[in-house]
């Protein structure tokens, strides 16, 4: 199993978010803890970017005119899903920027570990960064042509 190429059908037209999720599923099946860590972190960062800012709280005791809100809690909304808000929709370029920033953070931390004389954590972080950058690449290369991941 190759986390750089999650499925054989994942081609240039495949959405980046879908490729990240497929790579995570492949890494989980392969029990590749380094890949799982990097991919979950990137997907979490994307999820955080999709979150909307909480709106200003309504003044206590004021419901909408047609909806008095909750009789028990001032300013509360009532009903299933009444407080739900749609998440932000990110473009492919924004998602790519987030993944690149995640990889850059790992490279920066790896340099810090190397300066401190700690090669093992630096190697792990570099591998995570390589994996994230490899998922960004359109999968039009043959299987196995990714960076060396032995180690």
C-alpha atoms as a PDB file:
ATOM      1  CA  UNK A   1       0.000   0.000   0.000  1.00  0.00           C
ATOM      2  CA  UNK A   2       1.284   3.403  -0.949  1.00  0.00           C
ATOM      3  CA  UNK A   3      -0.090   6.435   0.943  1.00  0.00           C
ATOM      4  CA  UNK A   4       1.257   8.672  -1.814  1.00  0.00           C
ATOM      5  CA  UNK A   5      -1.113   7.009  -4.293  1.00  0.00           C
ATOM      6  CA  UNK A   6      -4.244   6.193  -2.326  1.00  0.00           C
ATOM      7  CA  UNK A   7      -6.238   4.536  -5.111  1.00  0.00           C
ATOM      8  CA  UNK A   8      -5.452   3.680  -8.696  1.00  0.00           C
ATOM      9  CA  UNK A   9      -8.471   5.717  -9.868  1.00  0.00           C
ATOM     10  CA  UNK A  10      -7.229   8.911  -8.215  1.00  0.00           C
ATOM     11  CA  UNK A  11      -6.129  10.952 -11.193  1.00  0.00           C
ATOM     12  CA  UNK A  12      -5.512  14.594 -11.997  1.00  0.00           C
ATOM     13  CA  UNK A  13      -9.246  15.382 -11.816  1.00  0.00           C
ATOM     14  CA  UNK A  14      -9.570  14.070  -8.279  1.00  0.00           C
ATOM     15  CA  UNK A  15     -10.333  16.649  -5.641  1.00  0.00           C
ATOM     16  CA  UNK A  16      -7.447  17.402  -3.253  1.00  0.00           C
ATOM     17  CA  UNK A  17      -9.586  16.921  -0.163  1.00  0.00           C
ATOM     18  CA  UNK A  18     -10.729  13.541  -1.461  1.00  0.00           C
ATOM     19  CA  UNK A  19      -7.097  12.571  -2.153  1.00  0.00           C
ATOM     20  CA  UNK A  20      -6.158  13.523   1.413  1.00  0.00           C
ATOM     21  CA  UNK A  21      -9.003  11.423   2.814  1.00  0.00           C
ATOM     22  CA  UNK A  22      -8.117   8.484   0.588  1.00  0.00           C
ATOM     23  CA  UNK A  23      -4.474   8.735   1.611  1.00  0.00           C
ATOM     24  CA  UNK A  24      -5.558   8.761   5.266  1.00  0.00           C
ATOM     25  CA  UNK A  25      -7.669   5.645   4.784  1.00  0.00           C
ATOM     26  CA  UNK A  26      -4.756   3.912   3.063  1.00  0.00           C
ATOM     27  CA  UNK A  27      -2.332   4.955   5.808  1.00  0.00           C
ATOM     28  CA  UNK A  28      -4.732   3.701   8.479  1.00  0.00           C
ATOM     29  CA  UNK A  29      -5.005   0.325   6.750  1.00  0.00           C
ATOM     30  CA  UNK A  30      -1.219   0.173   6.426  1.00  0.00           C
ATOM     31  CA  UNK A  31      -0.820   1.245  10.080  1.00  0.00           C
ATOM     32  CA  UNK A  32       1.584   3.967   8.983  1.00  0.00           C
ATOM     33  CA  UNK A  33       1.529   6.161  12.086  1.00  0.00           C
ATOM     34  CA  UNK A  34       3.672   8.893  10.560  1.00  0.00           C
ATOM     35  CA  UNK A  35       1.391   9.280   7.532  1.00  0.00           C
ATOM     36  CA  UNK A  36      -1.738   9.079   9.701  1.00  0.00           C
ATOM     37  CA  UNK A  37      -0.408  11.835  11.961  1.00  0.00           C
ATOM     38  CA  UNK A  38       0.449  14.159   9.073  1.00  0.00           C
ATOM     39  CA  UNK A  39      -2.796  13.578   7.179  1.00  0.00           C
ATOM     40  CA  UNK A  40      -5.038  13.951  10.233  1.00  0.00           C
ATOM     41  CA  UNK A  41      -3.255  17.169  11.110  1.00  0.00           C
ATOM     42  CA  UNK A  42      -3.725  18.562   7.598  1.00  0.00           C
ATOM     43  CA  UNK A  43      -7.390  17.536   7.476  1.00  0.00           C
ATOM     44  CA  UNK A  44      -7.893  19.114  10.898  1.00  0.00           C
ATOM     45  CA  UNK A  45      -6.316  22.367   9.719  1.00  0.00           C
ATOM     46  CA  UNK A  46      -8.626  22.364   6.698  1.00  0.00           C
ATOM     47  CA  UNK A  47     -11.609  21.713   8.963  1.00  0.00           C
ATOM     48  CA  UNK A  48     -10.590  24.616  11.189  1.00  0.00           C
ATOM     49  CA  UNK A  49     -10.330  26.898   8.162  1.00  0.00           C
ATOM     50  CA  UNK A  50     -13.838  25.866   7.066  1.00  0.00           C
ATOM     51  CA  UNK A  51     -15.318  26.830  10.441  1.00  0.00           C
ATOM     52  CA  UNK A  52     -17.224  30.089  10.570  1.00  0.00           C
ATOM     53  CA  UNK A  53     -16.668  32.748  13.195  1.00  0.00           C
ATOM     54  CA  UNK A  54     -19.308  32.690  15.893  1.00  0.00           C
ATOM     55  CA  UNK A  55     -21.770  35.526  15.460  1.00  0.00           C
ATOM     56  CA  UNK A  56     -22.400  38.142  18.056  1.00  0.00           C
ATOM     57  CA  UNK A  57     -24.612  36.852  20.834  1.00  0.00           C
ATOM     58  CA  UNK A  58     -28.148  38.206  20.823  1.00  0.00           C
ATOM     59  CA  UNK A  59     -28.982  40.379  23.809  1.00  0.00           C
ATOM     60  CA  UNK A  60     -30.518  38.362  26.614  1.00  0.00           C
ATOM     61  CA  UNK A  61     -34.272  37.966  26.438  1.00  0.00           C
ATOM     62  CA  UNK A  62     -34.600  38.979  22.794  1.00  0.00           C
ATOM     63  CA  UNK A  63     -35.911  36.356  20.438  1.00  0.00           C
ATOM     64  CA  UNK A  64     -36.922  36.923  16.854  1.00  0.00           C
ATOM     65  CA  UNK A  65     -40.398  38.465  16.608  1.00  0.00           C
ATOM     66  CA  UNK A  66     -41.939  35.311  15.128  1.00  0.00           C
ATOM     67  CA  UNK A  67     -39.815  33.035  17.326  1.00  0.00           C
ATOM     68  CA  UNK A  68     -39.800  33.782  21.027  1.00  0.00           C
ATOM     69  CA  UNK A  69     -36.866  31.404  21.522  1.00  0.00           C
ATOM     70  CA  UNK A  70     -36.670  29.194  24.536  1.00  0.00           C
ATOM     71  CA  UNK A  71     -38.966  29.911  27.459  1.00  0.00           C
ATOM     72  CA  UNK A  72     -36.242  28.556  29.764  1.00  0.00           C
ATOM     73  CA  UNK A  73     -33.078  30.291  28.563  1.00  0.00           C
ATOM     74  CA  UNK A  74     -33.063  33.919  27.456  1.00  0.00           C
ATOM     75  CA  UNK A  75     -31.764  34.448  23.948  1.00  0.00           C
ATOM     76  CA  UNK A  76     -31.671  30.728  23.118  1.00  0.00           C
ATOM     77  CA  UNK A  77     -32.974  29.358  19.854  1.00  0.00           C
ATOM     78  CA  UNK A  78     -35.368  26.466  19.791  1.00  0.00           C
ATOM     79  CA  UNK A  79     -35.779  23.635  17.335  1.00  0.00           C
ATOM     80  CA  UNK A  80     -33.636  20.981  15.765  1.00  0.00           C
ATOM     81  CA  UNK A  81     -30.742  22.574  13.868  1.00  0.00           C
ATOM     82  CA  UNK A  82     -31.873  26.120  14.682  1.00  0.00           C
ATOM     83  CA  UNK A  83     -28.367  27.099  15.731  1.00  0.00           C
ATOM     84  CA  UNK A  84     -26.543  25.329  12.879  1.00  0.00           C
ATOM     85  CA  UNK A  85     -24.531  27.376  10.409  1.00  0.00           C
ATOM     86  CA  UNK A  86     -23.146  26.197   7.071  1.00  0.00           C
ATOM     87  CA  UNK A  87     -19.363  25.768   6.986  1.00  0.00           C
ATOM     88  CA  UNK A  88     -17.169  27.869   4.740  1.00  0.00           C
ATOM     89  CA  UNK A  89     -16.424  26.408   1.342  1.00  0.00           C
ATOM     90  CA  UNK A  90     -12.715  26.525   0.517  1.00  0.00           C
ATOM     91  CA  UNK A  91     -11.307  26.613  -2.980  1.00  0.00           C
ATOM     92  CA  UNK A  92      -8.741  24.079  -4.151  1.00  0.00           C
ATOM     93  CA  UNK A  93      -6.086  26.801  -4.001  1.00  0.00           C
ATOM     94  CA  UNK A  94      -6.945  27.591  -0.369  1.00  0.00           C
ATOM     95  CA  UNK A  95      -6.791  23.912   0.582  1.00  0.00           C
ATOM     96  CA  UNK A  96      -3.453  23.562  -1.213  1.00  0.00           C
ATOM     97  CA  UNK A  97      -2.139  26.623   0.645  1.00  0.00           C
ATOM     98  CA  UNK A  98      -3.159  25.070   3.990  1.00  0.00           C
ATOM     99  CA  UNK A  99      -1.440  21.768   3.174  1.00  0.00           C
ATOM    100  CA  UNK A 100       1.700  23.579   2.022  1.00  0.00           C
ATOM    101  CA  UNK A 101       1.705  25.602   5.264  1.00  0.00           C
ATOM    102  CA  UNK A 102       1.432  22.355   7.268  1.00  0.00           C
ATOM    103  CA  UNK A 103       4.405  20.923   5.358  1.00  0.00           C
ATOM    104  CA  UNK A 104       6.402  24.142   5.853  1.00  0.00           C
ATOM    105  CA  UNK A 105       5.749  24.044   9.605  1.00  0.00           C
ATOM    106  CA  UNK A 106       7.122  20.505   9.728  1.00  0.00           C
ATOM    107  CA  UNK A 107      10.227  21.466   7.751  1.00  0.00           C
ATOM    108  CA  UNK A 108      10.836  24.414  10.079  1.00  0.00           C
ATOM    109  CA  UNK A 109      10.429  22.236  13.170  1.00  0.00           C
ATOM    110  CA  UNK A 110      12.748  19.614  11.647  1.00  0.00           C
ATOM    111  CA  UNK A 111      15.471  22.259  11.224  1.00  0.00           C
ATOM    112  CA  UNK A 112      15.019  23.183  14.878  1.00  0.00           C
ATOM    113  CA  UNK A 113      15.383  19.568  15.959  1.00  0.00           C
ATOM    114  CA  UNK A 114      18.517  19.191  13.818  1.00  0.00           C
ATOM    115  CA  UNK A 115      20.068  22.299  15.390  1.00  0.00           C
ATOM    116  CA  UNK A 116      19.384  20.705  18.779  1.00  0.00           C
ATOM    117  CA  UNK A 117      21.111  17.487  17.658  1.00  0.00           C
ATOM    118  CA  UNK A 118      17.924  15.399  17.513  1.00  0.00           C
ATOM    119  CA  UNK A 119      17.934  13.640  14.156  1.00  0.00           C
ATOM    120  CA  UNK A 120      15.108  11.125  14.778  1.00  0.00           C
ATOM    121  CA  UNK A 121      12.305  13.658  15.316  1.00  0.00           C
ATOM    122  CA  UNK A 122      13.709  15.736  12.449  1.00  0.00           C
ATOM    123  CA  UNK A 123      13.540  12.731  10.106  1.00  0.00           C
ATOM    124  CA  UNK A 124       9.963  11.984  11.151  1.00  0.00           C
ATOM    125  CA  UNK A 125       8.875  15.585  10.522  1.00  0.00           C
ATOM    126  CA  UNK A 126      10.624  15.651   7.141  1.00  0.00           C
ATOM    127  CA  UNK A 127       8.831  12.449   6.145  1.00  0.00           C
ATOM    128  CA  UNK A 128       5.490  13.994   7.165  1.00  0.00           C
ATOM    129  CA  UNK A 129       6.267  17.093   5.091  1.00  0.00           C
ATOM    130  CA  UNK A 130       7.240  14.974   2.063  1.00  0.00           C
ATOM    131  CA  UNK A 131       4.040  12.973   2.345  1.00  0.00           C
ATOM    132  CA  UNK A 132       1.857  16.086   2.483  1.00  0.00           C
ATOM    133  CA  UNK A 133       3.601  17.618  -0.515  1.00  0.00           C
ATOM    134  CA  UNK A 134       3.335  14.349  -2.438  1.00  0.00           C
ATOM    135  CA  UNK A 135      -0.435  14.260  -1.960  1.00  0.00           C
ATOM    136  CA  UNK A 136      -0.601  17.725  -3.553  1.00  0.00           C
ATOM    137  CA  UNK A 137       1.015  16.461  -6.735  1.00  0.00           C
ATOM    138  CA  UNK A 138      -1.413  15.279  -9.389  1.00  0.00           C
ATOM    139  CA  UNK A 139      -1.162  11.519  -9.390  1.00  0.00           C
ATOM    140  CA  UNK A 140      -0.173  11.183 -13.035  1.00  0.00           C
ATOM    141  CA  UNK A 141       3.120   9.478 -12.175  1.00  0.00           C
ATOM    142  CA  UNK A 142       3.512   5.700 -11.975  1.00  0.00           C
ATOM    143  CA  UNK A 143       3.053   4.019  -8.602  1.00  0.00           C
ATOM    144  CA  UNK A 144       6.199   3.890  -6.527  1.00  0.00           C
ATOM    145  CA  UNK A 145       7.741   7.030  -7.992  1.00  0.00           C
ATOM    146  CA  UNK A 146       7.238   8.972  -4.753  1.00  0.00           C
ATOM    147  CA  UNK A 147      10.005  10.025  -2.384  1.00  0.00           C
ATOM    148  CA  UNK A 148      11.854   7.299  -0.520  1.00  0.00           C
ATOM    149  CA  UNK A 149       9.890   6.491   2.624  1.00  0.00           C
ATOM    150  CA  UNK A 150      12.045   3.741   4.076  1.00  0.00           C
ATOM    151  CA  UNK A 151      13.312   4.856   7.364  1.00  0.00           C
END
